[in-house]
PDB file of N, CA and C in Angstrom:
ATOM      1  N   GLN A   1     -17.915 -17.095  -6.684  1.00  0.00           N
ATOM      2  CA  GLN A   1     -18.063 -18.536  -6.735  1.00  0.00           C
ATOM      3  C   GLN A   1     -16.983 -19.235  -5.909  1.00  0.00           C
ATOM      4  N   ASP A   2     -15.765 -18.686  -5.882  1.00  0.00           N
ATOM      5  CA  ASP A   2     -14.687 -19.300  -5.097  1.00  0.00           C
ATOM      6  C   ASP A   2     -15.042 -19.371  -3.617  1.00  0.00           C
ATOM      7  N   ALA A   3     -15.612 -18.302  -3.077  1.00  0.00           N
ATOM      8  CA  ALA A   3     -15.970 -18.279  -1.662  1.00  0.00           C
ATOM      9  C   ALA A   3     -17.055 -19.313  -1.375  1.00  0.00           C
ATOM     10  N   LEU A   4     -18.012 -19.438  -2.273  1.00  0.00           N
ATOM     11  CA  LEU A   4     -19.081 -20.423  -2.099  1.00  0.00           C
ATOM     12  C   LEU A   4     -18.513 -21.841  -2.147  1.00  0.00           C
ATOM     13  N   ASP A   5     -17.635 -22.108  -3.103  1.00  0.00           N
ATOM     14  CA  ASP A   5     -17.008 -23.433  -3.194  1.00  0.00           C
ATOM     15  C   ASP A   5     -16.199 -23.731  -1.933  1.00  0.00           C
ATOM     16  N   THR A   6     -15.493 -22.729  -1.427  1.00  0.00           N
ATOM     17  CA  THR A   6     -14.720 -22.920  -0.200  1.00  0.00           C
ATOM     18  C   THR A   6     -15.647 -23.223   0.960  1.00  0.00           C
ATOM     19  N   TRP A   7     -16.741 -22.459   1.072  1.00  0.00           N
ATOM     20  CA  TRP A   7     -17.720 -22.674   2.149  1.00  0.00           C
ATOM     21  C   TRP A   7     -18.257 -24.104   2.104  1.00  0.00           C
ATOM     22  N   LEU A   8     -18.583 -24.572   0.915  1.00  0.00           N
ATOM     23  CA  LEU A   8     -19.118 -25.918   0.768  1.00  0.00           C
ATOM     24  C   LEU A   8     -18.084 -26.982   1.117  1.00  0.00           C
ATOM     25  N   GLY A   9     -16.806 -26.666   0.957  1.00  0.00           N
ATOM     26  CA  GLY A   9     -15.748 -27.615   1.263  1.00  0.00           C
ATOM     27  C   GLY A   9     -15.347 -27.667   2.726  1.00  0.00           C
ATOM     28  N   LEU A  10     -15.833 -26.717   3.525  1.00  0.00           N
ATOM     29  CA  LEU A  10     -15.500 -26.692   4.950  1.00  0.00           C
ATOM     30  C   LEU A  10     -16.333 -27.706   5.722  1.00  0.00           C
ATOM     31  N   THR A  11     -15.731 -28.250   6.753  1.00  0.00           N
ATOM     32  CA  THR A  11     -16.487 -29.119   7.658  1.00  0.00           C
ATOM     33  C   THR A  11     -17.317 -28.230   8.589  1.00  0.00           C
ATOM     34  N   PRO A  12     -18.325 -28.782   9.238  1.00  0.00           N
ATOM     35  CA  PRO A  12     -19.085 -27.983  10.210  1.00  0.00           C
ATOM     36  C   PRO A  12     -18.183 -27.371  11.284  1.00  0.00           C
ATOM     37  N   GLU A  13     -17.179 -28.113  11.733  1.00  0.00           N
ATOM     38  CA  GLU A  13     -16.251 -27.601  12.746  1.00  0.00           C
ATOM     39  C   GLU A  13     -15.444 -26.424  12.200  1.00  0.00           C
ATOM     40  N   GLN A  14     -14.986 -26.514  10.958  1.00  0.00           N
ATOM     41  CA  GLN A  14     -14.223 -25.416  10.353  1.00  0.00           C
ATOM     42  C   GLN A  14     -15.090 -24.170  10.198  1.00  0.00           C
ATOM     43  N   ARG A  15     -16.347 -24.347   9.799  1.00  0.00           N
ATOM     44  CA  ARG A  15     -17.249 -23.192   9.677  1.00  0.00           C
ATOM     45  C   ARG A  15     -17.457 -22.539  11.043  1.00  0.00           C
ATOM     46  N   LYS A  16     -17.579 -23.339  12.073  1.00  0.00           N
ATOM     47  CA  LYS A  16     -17.757 -22.826  13.434  1.00  0.00           C
ATOM     48  C   LYS A  16     -16.507 -22.060  13.896  1.00  0.00           C
ATOM     49  N   LEU A  17     -15.324 -22.572  13.560  1.00  0.00           N
ATOM     50  CA  LEU A  17     -14.073 -21.925  13.968  1.00  0.00           C
ATOM     51  C   LEU A  17     -13.894 -20.540  13.349  1.00  0.00           C
ATOM     52  N   LEU A  18     -14.516 -20.276  12.214  1.00  0.00           N
ATOM     53  CA  LEU A  18     -14.391 -18.958  11.582  1.00  0.00           C
ATOM     54  C   LEU A  18     -14.817 -17.833  12.516  1.00  0.00           C
ATOM     55  N   TYR A  19     -15.733 -18.134  13.422  1.00  0.00           N
ATOM     56  CA  TYR A  19     -16.234 -17.107  14.331  1.00  0.00           C
ATOM     57  C   TYR A  19     -15.255 -16.813  15.474  1.00  0.00           C
ATOM     58  N   HIS A  20     -14.149 -17.554  15.542  1.00  0.00           N
ATOM     59  CA  HIS A  20     -13.124 -17.322  16.565  1.00  0.00           C
ATOM     60  C   HIS A  20     -11.992 -16.432  16.046  1.00  0.00           C
ATOM     61  N   PHE A  21     -12.102 -16.001  14.794  1.00  0.00           N
ATOM     62  CA  PHE A  21     -11.084 -15.141  14.188  1.00  0.00           C
ATOM     63  C   PHE A  21     -11.651 -13.742  13.983  1.00  0.00           C
ATOM     64  N   GLU A  22     -10.765 -12.755  14.003  1.00  0.00           N
ATOM     65  CA  GLU A  22     -11.163 -11.385  13.676  1.00  0.00           C
ATOM     66  C   GLU A  22     -11.589 -11.341  12.205  1.00  0.00           C
ATOM     67  N   ALA A  23     -12.678 -10.662  11.917  1.00  0.00           N
ATOM     68  CA  ALA A  23     -13.149 -10.544  10.541  1.00  0.00           C
ATOM     69  C   ALA A  23     -13.151  -9.090  10.058  1.00  0.00           C
ATOM     70  N   HIS A  24     -13.272  -8.138  10.955  1.00  0.00           N
ATOM     71  CA  HIS A  24     -13.343  -6.719  10.593  1.00  0.00           C
ATOM     72  C   HIS A  24     -14.363  -6.490   9.468  1.00  0.00           C
ATOM     73  N   LEU A  25     -15.557  -7.021   9.657  1.00  0.00           N
ATOM     74  CA  LEU A  25     -16.610  -6.881   8.650  1.00  0.00           C
ATOM     75  C   LEU A  25     -16.914  -5.420   8.344  1.00  0.00           C
ATOM     76  N   ASP A  26     -16.716  -4.551   9.332  1.00  0.00           N
ATOM     77  CA  ASP A  26     -16.983  -3.124   9.130  1.00  0.00           C
ATOM     78  C   ASP A  26     -16.029  -2.507   8.107  1.00  0.00           C
ATOM     79  N   GLN A  27     -14.921  -3.184   7.807  1.00  0.00           N
ATOM     80  CA  GLN A  27     -13.952  -2.661   6.845  1.00  0.00           C
ATOM     81  C   GLN A  27     -14.119  -3.265   5.443  1.00  0.00           C
ATOM     82  N   ALA A  28     -15.113  -4.110   5.275  1.00  0.00           N
ATOM     83  CA  ALA A  28     -15.356  -4.726   3.966  1.00  0.00           C
ATOM     84  C   ALA A  28     -15.841  -3.676   2.974  1.00  0.00           C
ATOM     85  N   LYS A  29     -15.439  -3.821   1.735  1.00  0.00           N
ATOM     86  CA  LYS A  29     -15.865  -2.914   0.675  1.00  0.00           C
ATOM     87  C   LYS A  29     -17.330  -3.194   0.327  1.00  0.00           C
ATOM     88  N   ASP A  30     -18.048  -2.146  -0.056  1.00  0.00           N
ATOM     89  CA  ASP A  30     -19.455  -2.295  -0.415  1.00  0.00           C
ATOM     90  C   ASP A  30     -19.647  -3.290  -1.558  1.00  0.00           C
ATOM     91  N   CYS A  31     -18.737  -3.263  -2.540  1.00  0.00           N
ATOM     92  CA  CYS A  31     -18.865  -4.187  -3.672  1.00  0.00           C
ATOM     93  C   CYS A  31     -18.721  -5.636  -3.207  1.00  0.00           C
ATOM     94  N   ASP A  32     -17.868  -5.884  -2.206  1.00  0.00           N
ATOM     95  CA  ASP A  32     -17.726  -7.234  -1.662  1.00  0.00           C
ATOM     96  C   ASP A  32     -18.964  -7.629  -0.865  1.00  0.00           C
ATOM     97  N   ARG A  33     -19.522  -6.685  -0.137  1.00  0.00           N
ATOM     98  CA  ARG A  33     -20.754  -6.968   0.613  1.00  0.00           C
ATOM     99  C   ARG A  33     -21.874  -7.396  -0.345  1.00  0.00           C
ATOM    100  N   GLN A  34     -22.033  -6.653  -1.421  1.00  0.00           N
ATOM    101  CA  GLN A  34     -23.090  -6.963  -2.386  1.00  0.00           C
ATOM    102  C   GLN A  34     -22.831  -8.297  -3.093  1.00  0.00           C
ATOM    103  N   ARG A  35     -21.588  -8.532  -3.457  1.00  0.00           N
ATOM    104  CA  ARG A  35     -21.227  -9.741  -4.206  1.00  0.00           C
ATOM    105  C   ARG A  35     -21.349 -10.995  -3.351  1.00  0.00           C
ATOM    106  N   LEU A  36     -21.063 -10.887  -2.062  1.00  0.00           N
ATOM    107  CA  LEU A  36     -20.982 -12.064  -1.202  1.00  0.00           C
ATOM    108  C   LEU A  36     -22.200 -12.275  -0.307  1.00  0.00           C
ATOM    109  N   GLU A  37     -23.126 -11.328  -0.288  1.00  0.00           N
ATOM    110  CA  GLU A  37     -24.315 -11.474   0.552  1.00  0.00           C
ATOM    111  C   GLU A  37     -25.195 -12.595   0.013  1.00  0.00           C
ATOM    112  N   LEU A  38     -25.630 -13.463   0.905  1.00  0.00           N
ATOM    113  CA  LEU A  38     -26.462 -14.601   0.509  1.00  0.00           C
ATOM    114  C   LEU A  38     -27.941 -14.252   0.605  1.00  0.00           C
ATOM    115  N   SER A  39     -28.686 -14.642  -0.410  1.00  0.00           N
ATOM    116  CA  SER A  39     -30.139 -14.415  -0.431  1.00  0.00           C
ATOM    117  C   SER A  39     -30.837 -15.507   0.377  1.00  0.00           C
ATOM    118  N   ALA A  40     -32.110 -15.312   0.640  1.00  0.00           N
ATOM    119  CA  ALA A  40     -32.890 -16.314   1.377  1.00  0.00           C
ATOM    120  C   ALA A  40     -32.888 -17.647   0.625  1.00  0.00           C
ATOM    121  N   ALA A  41     -32.995 -17.603  -0.701  1.00  0.00           N
ATOM    122  CA  ALA A  41     -32.986 -18.832  -1.507  1.00  0.00           C
ATOM    123  C   ALA A  41     -31.631 -19.539  -1.407  1.00  0.00           C
ATOM    124  N   GLU A  42     -30.553 -18.767  -1.434  1.00  0.00           N
ATOM    125  CA  GLU A  42     -29.210 -19.359  -1.316  1.00  0.00           C
ATOM    126  C   GLU A  42     -28.999 -19.959   0.071  1.00  0.00           C
ATOM    127  N   LEU A  43     -29.504 -19.279   1.100  1.00  0.00           N
ATOM    128  CA  LEU A  43     -29.388 -19.798   2.463  1.00  0.00           C
ATOM    129  C   LEU A  43     -30.135 -21.123   2.606  1.00  0.00           C
ATOM    130  N   ALA A  44     -31.331 -21.183   2.020  1.00  0.00           N
ATOM    131  CA  ALA A  44     -32.119 -22.421   2.058  1.00  0.00           C
ATOM    132  C   ALA A  44     -31.408 -23.542   1.309  1.00  0.00           C
ATOM    133  N   ASP A  45     -30.829 -23.220   0.151  1.00  0.00           N
ATOM    134  CA  ASP A  45     -30.102 -24.207  -0.638  1.00  0.00           C
ATOM    135  C   ASP A  45     -28.892 -24.736   0.131  1.00  0.00           C
ATOM    136  N   LEU A  46     -28.139 -23.846   0.775  1.00  0.00           N
ATOM    137  CA  LEU A  46     -26.974 -24.276   1.548  1.00  0.00           C
ATOM    138  C   LEU A  46     -27.381 -25.155   2.726  1.00  0.00           C
ATOM    139  N   ALA A  47     -28.446 -24.797   3.398  1.00  0.00           N
ATOM    140  CA  ALA A  47     -28.936 -25.605   4.514  1.00  0.00           C
ATOM    141  C   ALA A  47     -29.332 -26.994   4.020  1.00  0.00           C
ATOM    142  N   GLU A  48     -29.990 -27.045   2.887  1.00  0.00           N
ATOM    143  CA  GLU A  48     -30.411 -28.317   2.281  1.00  0.00           C
ATOM    144  C   GLU A  48     -29.204 -29.181   1.900  1.00  0.00           C
ATOM    145  N   ARG A  49     -28.117 -28.521   1.529  1.00  0.00           N
ATOM    146  CA  ARG A  49     -26.895 -29.235   1.116  1.00  0.00           C
ATOM    147  C   ARG A  49     -25.985 -29.577   2.308  1.00  0.00           C
ATOM    148  N   GLY A  50     -26.436 -29.268   3.518  1.00  0.00           N
ATOM    149  CA  GLY A  50     -25.672 -29.610   4.716  1.00  0.00           C
ATOM    150  C   GLY A  50     -24.575 -28.615   5.062  1.00  0.00           C
ATOM    151  N   ALA A  51     -24.658 -27.425   4.508  1.00  0.00           N
ATOM    152  CA  ALA A  51     -23.675 -26.381   4.790  1.00  0.00           C
ATOM    153  C   ALA A  51     -24.400 -25.102   5.195  1.00  0.00           C
ATOM    154  N   PRO A  52     -25.126 -25.134   6.320  1.00  0.00           N
ATOM    155  CA  PRO A  52     -25.901 -23.963   6.719  1.00  0.00           C
ATOM    156  C   PRO A  52     -25.030 -22.720   6.845  1.00  0.00           C
ATOM    157  N   ALA A  53     -25.641 -21.588   6.556  1.00  0.00           N
ATOM    158  CA  ALA A  53     -24.903 -20.324   6.551  1.00  0.00           C
ATOM    159  C   ALA A  53     -25.805 -19.205   7.041  1.00  0.00           C
ATOM    160  N   GLU A  54     -25.180 -18.062   7.278  1.00  0.00           N
ATOM    161  CA  GLU A  54     -25.900 -16.833   7.587  1.00  0.00           C
ATOM    162  C   GLU A  54     -25.721 -15.892   6.403  1.00  0.00           C
ATOM    163  N   GLN A  55     -26.477 -14.821   6.381  1.00  0.00           N
ATOM    164  CA  GLN A  55     -26.440 -13.887   5.254  1.00  0.00           C
ATOM    165  C   GLN A  55     -25.026 -13.378   4.966  1.00  0.00           C
ATOM    166  N   ASP A  56     -24.215 -13.191   6.012  1.00  0.00           N
ATOM    167  CA  ASP A  56     -22.868 -12.640   5.811  1.00  0.00           C
ATOM    168  C   ASP A  56     -21.757 -13.699   5.901  1.00  0.00           C
ATOM    169  N   SER A  57     -22.088 -14.968   5.831  1.00  0.00           N
ATOM    170  CA  SER A  57     -21.086 -16.026   6.008  1.00  0.00           C
ATOM    171  C   SER A  57     -19.969 -15.981   4.978  1.00  0.00           C
ATOM    172  N   LEU A  58     -20.286 -15.745   3.718  1.00  0.00           N
ATOM    173  CA  LEU A  58     -19.237 -15.704   2.692  1.00  0.00           C
ATOM    174  C   LEU A  58     -18.356 -14.466   2.871  1.00  0.00           C
ATOM    175  N   LEU A  59     -18.962 -13.348   3.234  1.00  0.00           N
ATOM    176  CA  LEU A  59     -18.179 -12.141   3.511  1.00  0.00           C
ATOM    177  C   LEU A  59     -17.250 -12.396   4.694  1.00  0.00           C
ATOM    178  N   ARG A  60     -17.764 -13.032   5.743  1.00  0.00           N
ATOM    179  CA  ARG A  60     -16.945 -13.360   6.914  1.00  0.00           C
ATOM    180  C   ARG A  60     -15.783 -14.258   6.501  1.00  0.00           C
ATOM    181  N   LEU A  61     -16.040 -15.268   5.696  1.00  0.00           N
ATOM    182  CA  LEU A  61     -14.996 -16.180   5.231  1.00  0.00           C
ATOM    183  C   LEU A  61     -13.887 -15.423   4.507  1.00  0.00           C
ATOM    184  N   VAL A  62     -14.262 -14.555   3.584  1.00  0.00           N
ATOM    185  CA  VAL A  62     -13.283 -13.788   2.807  1.00  0.00           C
ATOM    186  C   VAL A  62     -12.502 -12.838   3.711  1.00  0.00           C
ATOM    187  N   MET A  63     -13.197 -12.161   4.617  1.00  0.00           N
ATOM    188  CA  MET A  63     -12.530 -11.203   5.497  1.00  0.00           C
ATOM    189  C   MET A  63     -11.632 -11.897   6.527  1.00  0.00           C
ATOM    190  N   VAL A  64     -12.059 -13.038   7.059  1.00  0.00           N
ATOM    191  CA  VAL A  64     -11.216 -13.796   7.985  1.00  0.00           C
ATOM    192  C   VAL A  64      -9.933 -14.206   7.279  1.00  0.00           C
ATOM    193  N   ASP A  65     -10.045 -14.652   6.039  1.00  0.00           N
ATOM    194  CA  ASP A  65      -8.859 -15.018   5.265  1.00  0.00           C
ATOM    195  C   ASP A  65      -7.968 -13.796   5.054  1.00  0.00           C
ATOM    196  N   HIS A  66      -8.574 -12.682   4.693  1.00  0.00           N
ATOM    197  CA  HIS A  66      -7.815 -11.453   4.425  1.00  0.00           C
ATOM    198  C   HIS A  66      -7.059 -10.968   5.669  1.00  0.00           C
ATOM    199  N   VAL A  67      -7.701 -11.032   6.816  1.00  0.00           N
ATOM    200  CA  VAL A  67      -7.136 -10.478   8.045  1.00  0.00           C
ATOM    201  C   VAL A  67      -6.164 -11.445   8.741  1.00  0.00           C
ATOM    202  N   ASN A  68      -6.403 -12.742   8.648  1.00  0.00           N
ATOM    203  CA  ASN A  68      -5.688 -13.707   9.494  1.00  0.00           C
ATOM    204  C   ASN A  68      -4.820 -14.743   8.791  1.00  0.00           C
ATOM    205  N   ALA A  69      -4.994 -14.933   7.502  1.00  0.00           N
ATOM    206  CA  ALA A  69      -4.344 -16.064   6.831  1.00  0.00           C
ATOM    207  C   ALA A  69      -2.843 -15.851   6.637  1.00  0.00           C
ATOM    208  N   HIS A  70      -2.138 -16.943   6.563  1.00  0.00           N
ATOM    209  CA  HIS A  70      -0.705 -16.971   6.269  1.00  0.00           C
ATOM    210  C   HIS A  70      -0.528 -17.620   4.901  1.00  0.00           C
ATOM    211  N   PHE A  71       0.461 -17.143   4.145  1.00  0.00           N
ATOM    212  CA  PHE A  71       0.773 -17.795   2.876  1.00  0.00           C
ATOM    213  C   PHE A  71       1.209 -19.220   3.168  1.00  0.00           C
ATOM    214  N   TRP A  72       0.700 -20.134   2.363  1.00  0.00           N
ATOM    215  CA  TRP A  72       1.008 -21.539   2.547  1.00  0.00           C
ATOM    216  C   TRP A  72       1.098 -22.173   1.168  1.00  0.00           C
ATOM    217  N   GLY A  73       2.321 -22.378   0.712  1.00  0.00           N
ATOM    218  CA  GLY A  73       2.500 -22.885  -0.644  1.00  0.00           C
ATOM    219  C   GLY A  73       2.005 -21.848  -1.637  1.00  0.00           C
ATOM    220  N   PHE A  74       1.060 -22.245  -2.470  1.00  0.00           N
ATOM    221  CA  PHE A  74       0.492 -21.338  -3.465  1.00  0.00           C
ATOM    222  C   PHE A  74      -0.876 -20.818  -3.023  1.00  0.00           C
ATOM    223  N   SER A  75      -1.198 -20.976  -1.765  1.00  0.00           N
ATOM    224  CA  SER A  75      -2.509 -20.586  -1.266  1.00  0.00           C
ATOM    225  C   SER A  75      -2.347 -19.885   0.077  1.00  0.00           C
ATOM    226  N   SER A  76      -3.368 -19.961   0.887  1.00  0.00           N
ATOM    227  CA  SER A  76      -3.302 -19.400   2.232  1.00  0.00           C
ATOM    228  C   SER A  76      -3.916 -20.399   3.202  1.00  0.00           C
ATOM    229  N   ALA A  77      -3.604 -20.222   4.475  1.00  0.00           N
ATOM    230  CA  ALA A  77      -4.121 -21.123   5.499  1.00  0.00           C
ATOM    231  C   ALA A  77      -4.353 -20.357   6.789  1.00  0.00           C
ATOM    232  N   LEU A  78      -5.309 -20.839   7.563  1.00  0.00           N
ATOM    233  CA  LEU A  78      -5.585 -20.291   8.888  1.00  0.00           C
ATOM    234  C   LEU A  78      -5.074 -21.274   9.926  1.00  0.00           C
ATOM    235  N   PHE A  79      -4.487 -20.747  10.981  1.00  0.00           N
ATOM    236  CA  PHE A  79      -3.970 -21.572  12.064  1.00  0.00           C
ATOM    237  C   PHE A  79      -4.593 -21.073  13.362  1.00  0.00           C
ATOM    238  N   THR A  80      -5.012 -21.999  14.208  1.00  0.00           N
ATOM    239  CA  THR A  80      -5.756 -21.603  15.407  1.00  0.00           C
ATOM    240  C   THR A  80      -4.959 -20.700  16.339  1.00  0.00           C
ATOM    241  N   ILE A  81      -3.645 -20.800  16.364  1.00  0.00           N
ATOM    242  CA  ILE A  81      -2.841 -19.939  17.233  1.00  0.00           C
ATOM    243  C   ILE A  81      -2.083 -18.886  16.429  1.00  0.00           C
ATOM    244  N   ALA A  82      -1.294 -19.311  15.457  1.00  0.00           N
ATOM    245  CA  ALA A  82      -0.450 -18.366  14.706  1.00  0.00           C
ATOM    246  C   ALA A  82      -1.270 -17.280  14.016  1.00  0.00           C
ATOM    247  N   SER A  83      -2.469 -17.602  13.569  1.00  0.00           N
ATOM    248  CA  SER A  83      -3.294 -16.611  12.877  1.00  0.00           C
ATOM    249  C   SER A  83      -3.866 -15.573  13.827  1.00  0.00           C
ATOM    250  N   LYS A  84      -3.756 -15.808  15.115  1.00  0.00           N
ATOM    251  CA  LYS A  84      -4.278 -14.860  16.103  1.00  0.00           C
ATOM    252  C   LYS A  84      -3.177 -14.056  16.788  1.00  0.00           C
ATOM    253  N   ALA A  85      -1.940 -14.274  16.390  1.00  0.00           N
ATOM    254  CA  ALA A  85      -0.819 -13.565  17.006  1.00  0.00           C
ATOM    255  C   ALA A  85      -0.870 -12.083  16.638  1.00  0.00           C
ATOM    256  N   THR A  86      -0.310 -11.281  17.505  1.00  0.00           N
ATOM    257  CA  THR A  86      -0.257  -9.840  17.315  1.00  0.00           C
ATOM    258  C   THR A  86       0.924  -9.472  16.425  1.00  0.00           C
ATOM    259  N   HIS A  87       0.722  -8.484  15.544  1.00  0.00           N
ATOM    260  CA  HIS A  87       1.833  -7.985  14.727  1.00  0.00           C
ATOM    261  C   HIS A  87       2.661  -7.002  15.543  1.00  0.00           C
ATOM    262  N   SER A  88       3.972  -7.055  15.323  1.00  0.00           N
ATOM    263  CA  SER A  88       4.857  -6.085  15.940  1.00  0.00           C
ATOM    264  C   SER A  88       6.068  -5.874  15.044  1.00  0.00           C
ATOM    265  N   CYS A  89       6.546  -4.641  14.994  1.00  0.00           N
ATOM    266  CA  CYS A  89       7.800  -4.356  14.290  1.00  0.00           C
ATOM    267  C   CYS A  89       8.990  -4.782  15.149  1.00  0.00           C
ATOM    268  N   ALA A  90       8.715  -5.130  16.401  1.00  0.00           N
ATOM    269  CA  ALA A  90       9.733  -5.667  17.313  1.00  0.00           C
ATOM    270  C   ALA A  90       9.196  -6.996  17.856  1.00  0.00           C
ATOM    271  N   PRO A  91       9.144  -8.027  17.004  1.00  0.00           N
ATOM    272  CA  PRO A  91       8.531  -9.299  17.406  1.00  0.00           C
ATOM    273  C   PRO A  91       9.328 -10.039  18.472  1.00  0.00           C
ATOM    274  N   ASN A  92       8.627 -10.869  19.251  1.00  0.00           N
ATOM    275  CA  ASN A  92       9.302 -11.718  20.220  1.00  0.00           C
ATOM    276  C   ASN A  92       9.306 -13.181  19.767  1.00  0.00           C
ATOM    277  N   CYS A  93       8.670 -13.451  18.635  1.00  0.00           N
ATOM    278  CA  CYS A  93       8.614 -14.798  18.066  1.00  0.00           C
ATOM    279  C   CYS A  93       8.732 -14.718  16.545  1.00  0.00           C
ATOM    280  N   ARG A  94       8.996 -15.868  15.934  1.00  0.00           N
ATOM    281  CA  ARG A  94       9.036 -15.952  14.479  1.00  0.00           C
ATOM    282  C   ARG A  94       8.321 -17.221  14.064  1.00  0.00           C
ATOM    283  N   LEU A  95       7.924 -17.283  12.810  1.00  0.00           N
ATOM    284  CA  LEU A  95       7.253 -18.458  12.271  1.00  0.00           C
ATOM    285  C   LEU A  95       8.237 -19.301  11.486  1.00  0.00           C
ATOM    286  N   ARG A  96       8.014 -20.612  11.532  1.00  0.00           N
ATOM    287  CA  ARG A  96       8.846 -21.525  10.774  1.00  0.00           C
ATOM    288  C   ARG A  96       7.950 -22.621  10.224  1.00  0.00           C
ATOM    289  N   GLN A  97       8.022 -22.834   8.915  1.00  0.00           N
ATOM    290  CA  GLN A  97       7.288 -23.927   8.308  1.00  0.00           C
ATOM    291  C   GLN A  97       8.095 -25.197   8.471  1.00  0.00           C
ATOM    292  N   ASP A  98       7.447 -26.232   8.969  1.00  0.00           N
ATOM    293  CA  ASP A  98       8.095 -27.523   9.145  1.00  0.00           C
ATOM    294  C   ASP A  98       7.175 -28.575   8.551  1.00  0.00           C
ATOM    295  N   GLY A  99       7.433 -28.906   7.286  1.00  0.00           N
ATOM    296  CA  GLY A  99       6.561 -29.858   6.602  1.00  0.00           C
ATOM    297  C   GLY A  99       5.162 -29.290   6.492  1.00  0.00           C
ATOM    298  N   GLY A 100       4.197 -29.974   7.074  1.00  0.00           N
ATOM    299  CA  GLY A 100       2.810 -29.524   7.020  1.00  0.00           C
ATOM    300  C   GLY A 100       2.385 -28.715   8.226  1.00  0.00           C
ATOM    301  N   ALA A 101       3.346 -28.292   9.032  1.00  0.00           N
ATOM    302  CA  ALA A 101       3.011 -27.544  10.247  1.00  0.00           C
ATOM    303  C   ALA A 101       3.649 -26.158  10.216  1.00  0.00           C
ATOM    304  N   LEU A 102       3.054 -25.259  10.949  1.00  0.00           N
ATOM    305  CA  LEU A 102       3.605 -23.923  11.142  1.00  0.00           C
ATOM    306  C   LEU A 102       3.968 -23.811  12.615  1.00  0.00           C
ATOM    307  N   GLU A 103       5.237 -23.606  12.889  1.00  0.00           N
ATOM    308  CA  GLU A 103       5.708 -23.520  14.270  1.00  0.00           C
ATOM    309  C   GLU A 103       5.968 -22.076  14.644  1.00  0.00           C
ATOM    310  N   ILE A 104       5.623 -21.742  15.883  1.00  0.00           N
ATOM    311  CA  ILE A 104       5.953 -20.439  16.451  1.00  0.00           C
ATOM    312  C   ILE A 104       7.173 -20.662  17.338  1.00  0.00           C
ATOM    313  N   CYS A 105       8.241 -19.972  17.031  1.00  0.00           N
ATOM    314  CA  CYS A 105       9.488 -20.095  17.796  1.00  0.00           C
ATOM    315  C   CYS A 105       9.748 -18.783  18.521  1.00  0.00           C
ATOM    316  N   SER A 106       9.889 -18.861  19.837  1.00  0.00           N
ATOM    317  CA  SER A 106      10.179 -17.631  20.585  1.00  0.00           C
ATOM    318  C   SER A 106      11.641 -17.253  20.386  1.00  0.00           C
ATOM    319  N   MET A 107      11.882 -15.964  20.340  1.00  0.00           N
ATOM    320  CA  MET A 107      13.240 -15.452  20.167  1.00  0.00           C
ATOM    321  C   MET A 107      13.789 -14.945  21.498  1.00  0.00           C
ATOM    322  N   GLN A 108      12.978 -15.056  22.548  1.00  0.00           N
ATOM    323  CA  GLN A 108      13.376 -14.630  23.884  1.00  0.00           C
ATOM    324  C   GLN A 108      12.471 -15.327  24.884  1.00  0.00           C
ATOM    325  N   GLU A 109      12.791 -15.253  26.129  1.00  0.00           N
ATOM    326  CA  GLU A 109      11.946 -15.814  27.184  1.00  0.00           C
ATOM    327  C   GLU A 109      10.645 -15.013  27.233  1.00  0.00           C
ATOM    328  N   LEU A 110       9.505 -15.707  27.239  1.00  0.00           N
ATOM    329  CA  LEU A 110       8.210 -15.033  27.309  1.00  0.00           C
ATOM    330  C   LEU A 110       7.631 -15.204  28.710  1.00  0.00           C
ATOM    331  N   ALA A 111       7.151 -14.116  29.254  1.00  0.00           N
ATOM    332  CA  ALA A 111       6.509 -14.162  30.570  1.00  0.00           C
ATOM    333  C   ALA A 111       5.100 -14.725  30.417  1.00  0.00           C
ATOM    334  N   GLU A 112       4.610 -15.342  31.463  1.00  0.00           N
ATOM    335  CA  GLU A 112       3.252 -15.868  31.447  1.00  0.00           C
ATOM    336  C   GLU A 112       2.285 -14.723  31.127  1.00  0.00           C
ATOM    337  N   GLY A 113       1.396 -14.952  30.168  1.00  0.00           N
ATOM    338  CA  GLY A 113       0.418 -13.946  29.776  1.00  0.00           C
ATOM    339  C   GLY A 113       0.920 -12.950  28.745  1.00  0.00           C
ATOM    340  N   GLU A 114       2.200 -12.989  28.412  1.00  0.00           N
ATOM    341  CA  GLU A 114       2.754 -12.062  27.421  1.00  0.00           C
ATOM    342  C   GLU A 114       2.237 -12.437  26.026  1.00  0.00           C
ATOM    343  N   TYR A 115       1.924 -11.426  25.232  1.00  0.00           N
ATOM    344  CA  TYR A 115       1.438 -11.658  23.877  1.00  0.00           C
ATOM    345  C   TYR A 115       2.525 -12.251  23.001  1.00  0.00           C
ATOM    346  N   VAL A 116       2.119 -13.166  22.132  1.00  0.00           N
ATOM    347  CA  VAL A 116       2.999 -13.654  21.067  1.00  0.00           C
ATOM    348  C   VAL A 116       2.947 -12.609  19.982  1.00  0.00           C
ATOM    349  N   LYS A 117       4.112 -12.031  19.657  1.00  0.00           N
ATOM    350  CA  LYS A 117       4.173 -10.951  18.648  1.00  0.00           C
ATOM    351  C   LYS A 117       5.021 -11.409  17.483  1.00  0.00           C
ATOM    352  N   LEU A 118       4.430 -11.305  16.290  1.00  0.00           N
ATOM    353  CA  LEU A 118       5.097 -11.702  15.054  1.00  0.00           C
ATOM    354  C   LEU A 118       5.189 -10.525  14.118  1.00  0.00           C
ATOM    355  N   SER A 119       6.204 -10.513  13.275  1.00  0.00           N
ATOM    356  CA  SER A 119       6.265  -9.528  12.204  1.00  0.00           C
ATOM    357  C   SER A 119       5.540 -10.125  11.006  1.00  0.00           C
ATOM    358  N   TYR A 120       4.515  -9.458  10.544  1.00  0.00           N
ATOM    359  CA  TYR A 120       3.765  -9.960   9.386  1.00  0.00           C
ATOM    360  C   TYR A 120       4.494  -9.705   8.076  1.00  0.00           C
ATOM    361  N   ILE A 121       5.506  -8.854   8.118  1.00  0.00           N
ATOM    362  CA  ILE A 121       6.169  -8.472   6.868  1.00  0.00           C
ATOM    363  C   ILE A 121       7.579  -9.011   6.754  1.00  0.00           C
ATOM    364  N   ALA A 122       8.079  -9.669   7.755  1.00  0.00           N
ATOM    365  CA  ALA A 122       9.456 -10.192   7.673  1.00  0.00           C
ATOM    366  C   ALA A 122       9.484 -11.663   7.993  1.00  0.00           C
TER     367      ALA A 122
END
């Protein structure tokens, strides 16, 4: 129910942006696939309510959050850039929360085209 409520709370633009994040749907557990798969009736209901979806939309939402989200207060959040950064045990950048924003701060000069690398565990 939480995933459905979240889906209903997203704007059309936010739902569209989910497809720009890694989801690793192939790594989803079978129990999550069964629990989150939308039936034809549910898809019709969501479309009628102005929140169109695909059969795997809730699974994608949960997996995108699992793979890309950052802790934010007592919840999690997705960021268009920081959530797509590469993990490294030797990062070249760090994250800093500044009020309602998440800033990426480089720890060294970055060459054009160089990946932004963050430590997900530190």
